[in-house]
Amino acid sequence: MLASILFVLISFVCAAQGGDPPPPMPPPPPGLPIDGFTTIALILGSIIGIKKALKNTSEE
């Protein structure tokens, strides 16, 4: 009797462990460079800042 109960319980445990493997991970997003526009933006910003600073000092 005990052996038959163990066989039934083991079959439930084995059925609970089944299943498909998880789907594969999606590929990572491409690395986008930010170097090109950042350099141009810094140069333009410094030029505009220097112009404004020179204009403010000449007005005083």
Protein backbone atom coordinates (compact mmCIF):
# COMPACT_ATOMS: atom_id res chain seq x y z
CA MET A 1 0.00 0.00 0.00
CA LEU A 2 2.78 2.41 0.95
CA ALA A 3 4.71 1.64 -2.24
CA SER A 4 1.69 2.35 -4.45
CA ILE A 5 1.10 5.73 -2.72
CA LEU A 6 4.77 6.65 -3.27
CA PHE A 7 4.54 5.78 -6.97
CA VAL A 8 1.46 8.00 -7.36
CA LEU A 9 3.11 10.91 -5.52
CA ILE A 10 6.31 10.60 -7.56
CA SER A 11 4.31 10.73 -10.79
CA PHE A 12 2.70 14.02 -9.69
CA VAL A 13 6.12 15.49 -8.87
CA CYS A 14 7.53 14.44 -12.24
CA ALA A 15 4.58 15.99 -14.08
CA ALA A 16 5.00 19.26 -12.17
CA GLN A 17 8.61 19.62 -13.33
CA GLY A 18 7.86 19.44 -17.04
CA GLY A 19 7.54 22.36 -19.41
CA ASP A 20 9.22 24.03 -22.28
CA PRO A 21 12.50 25.86 -21.82
CA PRO A 22 12.26 29.65 -21.63
CA PRO A 23 12.47 31.54 -24.92
CA PRO A 24 15.88 32.91 -25.87
CA MET A 25 16.76 36.45 -24.85
CA PRO A 26 16.28 39.13 -27.52
CA PRO A 27 19.45 40.56 -29.03
CA PRO A 28 20.81 43.67 -27.32
CA PRO A 29 20.09 47.03 -28.93
CA PRO A 30 22.81 48.42 -31.18
CA GLY A 31 25.29 50.76 -29.58
CA LEU A 32 24.71 54.21 -31.00
CA PRO A 33 27.64 56.62 -30.99
CA ILE A 34 27.03 60.05 -29.48
CA ASP A 35 30.50 61.41 -30.14
CA GLY A 36 29.93 63.24 -33.45
CA PHE A 37 27.16 65.66 -32.54
CA THR A 38 28.40 66.18 -28.98
CA THR A 39 31.68 67.66 -30.18
CA ILE A 40 29.92 69.97 -32.62
CA ALA A 41 27.40 71.07 -29.98
CA LEU A 42 30.17 71.87 -27.47
CA ILE A 43 32.09 73.92 -30.05
CA LEU A 44 28.99 75.88 -31.11
CA GLY A 45 27.96 76.44 -27.50
CA SER A 46 31.38 77.76 -26.55
CA ILE A 47 31.43 80.11 -29.57
CA ILE A 48 27.99 81.51 -28.70
CA GLY A 49 28.98 81.84 -25.03
CA ILE A 50 32.19 83.70 -25.87
CA LYS A 51 30.30 86.05 -28.21
CA LYS A 52 27.71 86.87 -25.51
CA ALA A 53 30.39 87.37 -22.88
CA LEU A 54 32.35 89.73 -25.14
CA LYS A 55 29.16 91.63 -26.04
CA ASN A 56 28.22 92.06 -22.34
CA THR A 57 31.70 93.32 -21.40
CA SER A 58 31.77 95.83 -24.30
CA GLU A 59 28.36 97.30 -23.28
CA GLU A 60 29.43 98.05 -19.70
